[in-house]
C-alpha atoms as a PDB file:
ATOM      1  CA  MET A   1     -34.796   3.423  87.990  1.00  0.00           C
ATOM      2  CA  ALA A   2     -34.174   3.389  91.735  1.00  0.00           C
ATOM      3  CA  ARG A   3     -31.698   0.591  91.246  1.00  0.00           C
ATOM      4  CA  SER A   4     -29.628   2.561  88.735  1.00  0.00           C
ATOM      5  CA  THR A   5     -29.675   5.630  90.973  1.00  0.00           C
ATOM      6  CA  ALA A   6     -28.478   3.506  93.884  1.00  0.00           C
ATOM      7  CA  SER A   7     -25.774   1.986  91.660  1.00  0.00           C
ATOM      8  CA  ALA A   8     -24.627   5.450  90.572  1.00  0.00           C
ATOM      9  CA  ARG A   9     -24.413   6.547  94.185  1.00  0.00           C
ATOM     10  CA  ALA A  10     -22.390   3.461  95.039  1.00  0.00           C
ATOM     11  CA  LEU A  11     -20.001   4.122  92.141  1.00  0.00           C
ATOM     12  CA  LYS A  12     -19.588   7.746  93.188  1.00  0.00           C
ATOM     13  CA  ALA A  13     -18.938   6.668  96.771  1.00  0.00           C
ATOM     14  CA  GLU A  14     -16.161   4.409  95.471  1.00  0.00           C
ATOM     15  CA  ASN A  15     -14.731   7.340  93.447  1.00  0.00           C
ATOM     16  CA  LEU A  16     -15.304   5.545  90.167  1.00  0.00           C
ATOM     17  CA  VAL A  17     -17.478   8.389  88.952  1.00  0.00           C
ATOM     18  CA  PRO A  18     -15.787  11.445  90.444  1.00  0.00           C
ATOM     19  CA  ASP A  19     -17.826  14.429  89.308  1.00  0.00           C
ATOM     20  CA  GLU A  20     -20.557  13.111  87.047  1.00  0.00           C
ATOM     21  CA  HIS A  21     -19.077  14.517  83.824  1.00  0.00           C
ATOM     22  CA  VAL A  22     -20.884  11.859  81.841  1.00  0.00           C
ATOM     23  CA  ARG A  23     -24.478  10.868  82.401  1.00  0.00           C
ATOM     24  CA  ILE A  24     -26.174   8.014  80.580  1.00  0.00           C
ATOM     25  CA  ALA A  25     -29.715   9.031  79.561  1.00  0.00           C
ATOM     26  CA  GLU A  26     -32.299   6.923  77.772  1.00  0.00           C
ATOM     27  CA  ASP A  27     -31.479   8.276  74.307  1.00  0.00           C
ATOM     28  CA  CYS A  28     -28.058   9.917  74.644  1.00  0.00           C
ATOM     29  CA  LEU A  29     -24.897  10.473  76.619  1.00  0.00           C
ATOM     30  CA  GLU A  30     -24.787  13.797  78.393  1.00  0.00           C
ATOM     31  CA  LEU A  31     -21.346  15.275  78.684  1.00  0.00           C
ATOM     32  CA  ASN A  32     -20.352  18.098  81.023  1.00  0.00           C
ATOM     33  CA  PRO A  33     -16.691  18.997  80.354  1.00  0.00           C
ATOM     34  CA  ALA A  34     -14.549  19.615  83.419  1.00  0.00           C
ATOM     35  CA  SER A  35     -12.640  22.489  81.822  1.00  0.00           C
ATOM     36  CA  PRO A  36     -12.892  25.045  79.010  1.00  0.00           C
ATOM     37  CA  GLU A  37     -10.221  23.071  77.143  1.00  0.00           C
ATOM     38  CA  GLU A  38     -12.468  19.952  77.162  1.00  0.00           C
ATOM     39  CA  ALA A  39     -15.379  22.033  75.978  1.00  0.00           C
ATOM     40  CA  ASN A  40     -13.291  23.348  73.073  1.00  0.00           C
ATOM     41  CA  VAL A  41     -12.368  19.793  72.079  1.00  0.00           C
ATOM     42  CA  LEU A  42     -16.061  18.817  72.072  1.00  0.00           C
ATOM     43  CA  ARG A  43     -16.860  21.942  69.957  1.00  0.00           C
ATOM     44  CA  THR A  44     -14.201  20.795  67.482  1.00  0.00           C
ATOM     45  CA  TRP A  45     -15.865  17.392  67.380  1.00  0.00           C
ATOM     46  CA  LEU A  46     -19.168  19.081  66.624  1.00  0.00           C
ATOM     47  CA  ARG A  47     -17.868  20.280  63.267  1.00  0.00           C
ATOM     48  CA  ARG A  48     -16.301  16.929  62.420  1.00  0.00           C
ATOM     49  CA  VAL A  49     -19.035  14.536  63.629  1.00  0.00           C
ATOM     50  CA  ASN A  50     -22.053  16.508  62.428  1.00  0.00           C
ATOM     51  CA  GLY A  51     -20.882  16.840  58.857  1.00  0.00           C
ATOM     52  CA  PRO A  52     -23.240  15.900  55.981  1.00  0.00           C
ATOM     53  CA  THR A  53     -21.424  12.645  55.256  1.00  0.00           C
ATOM     54  CA  TYR A  54     -22.100  11.181  58.706  1.00  0.00           C
ATOM     55  CA  PRO A  55     -25.729  10.516  59.593  1.00  0.00           C
ATOM     56  CA  GLN A  56     -24.664   9.445  63.060  1.00  0.00           C
ATOM     57  CA  PRO A  57     -23.496   9.889  65.731  1.00  0.00           C
ATOM     58  CA  TYR A  58     -24.917  13.360  66.339  1.00  0.00           C
ATOM     59  CA  LEU A  59     -23.356  15.748  68.880  1.00  0.00           C
ATOM     60  CA  VAL A  60     -25.287  18.708  70.192  1.00  0.00           C
ATOM     61  CA  GLU A  61     -24.300  21.610  72.501  1.00  0.00           C
ATOM     62  CA  GLY A  62     -26.969  23.314  74.517  1.00  0.00           C
ATOM     63  CA  PRO A  63     -27.022  25.030  76.930  1.00  0.00           C
ATOM     64  CA  PRO A  64     -23.450  26.249  76.446  1.00  0.00           C
ATOM     65  CA  GLY A  65     -20.984  23.845  78.029  1.00  0.00           C
ATOM     66  CA  HIS A  66     -23.449  20.934  78.094  1.00  0.00           C
ATOM     67  CA  PHE A  67     -23.200  18.367  75.298  1.00  0.00           C
ATOM     68  CA  ARG A  68     -25.381  15.448  74.266  1.00  0.00           C
ATOM     69  CA  LEU A  69     -24.203  12.583  71.974  1.00  0.00           C
ATOM     70  CA  TYR A  70     -26.899  10.681  70.077  1.00  0.00           C
ATOM     71  CA  VAL A  71     -26.456   7.419  68.128  1.00  0.00           C
ATOM     72  CA  GLY A  72     -28.689   5.411  65.879  1.00  0.00           C
ATOM     73  CA  GLU A  73     -32.401   6.212  65.772  1.00  0.00           C
ATOM     74  CA  ALA A  74     -31.913   8.772  68.510  1.00  0.00           C
ATOM     75  CA  ALA A  75     -29.430  10.612  66.232  1.00  0.00           C
ATOM     76  CA  GLU A  76     -32.020  10.668  63.442  1.00  0.00           C
ATOM     77  CA  ARG A  77     -34.685  12.024  65.779  1.00  0.00           C
ATOM     78  CA  ALA A  78     -32.362  14.715  67.193  1.00  0.00           C
ATOM     79  CA  ARG A  79     -31.267  15.815  63.668  1.00  0.00           C
ATOM     80  CA  THR A  80     -34.909  16.024  62.523  1.00  0.00           C
ATOM     81  CA  ALA A  81     -35.952  17.925  65.646  1.00  0.00           C
ATOM     82  CA  ARG A  82     -33.186  20.518  64.924  1.00  0.00           C
ATOM     83  CA  GLY A  83     -34.114  20.764  61.264  1.00  0.00           C
ATOM     84  CA  ILE A  84     -31.040  19.029  59.851  1.00  0.00           C
ATOM     85  CA  GLN A  85     -31.738  16.326  57.311  1.00  0.00           C
END
């Protein structure tokens, strides 16, 4: 873990990850939109991606303005935890 943190700091220092809008977690990608327009685009994706015909990926907003994208088994776990089957 320390190695990945050090790598992230090095990337940020090189301006390759400017404001940490995307964070890679163990089971999802965490997305923090830089503007209200980007948040609205992600909210539009919520309706498209989370439809009943697509078991994955699974996009969740919470708290407002903070999004998480789950894929594979993590998507199934997140759907089940939210009561969506």
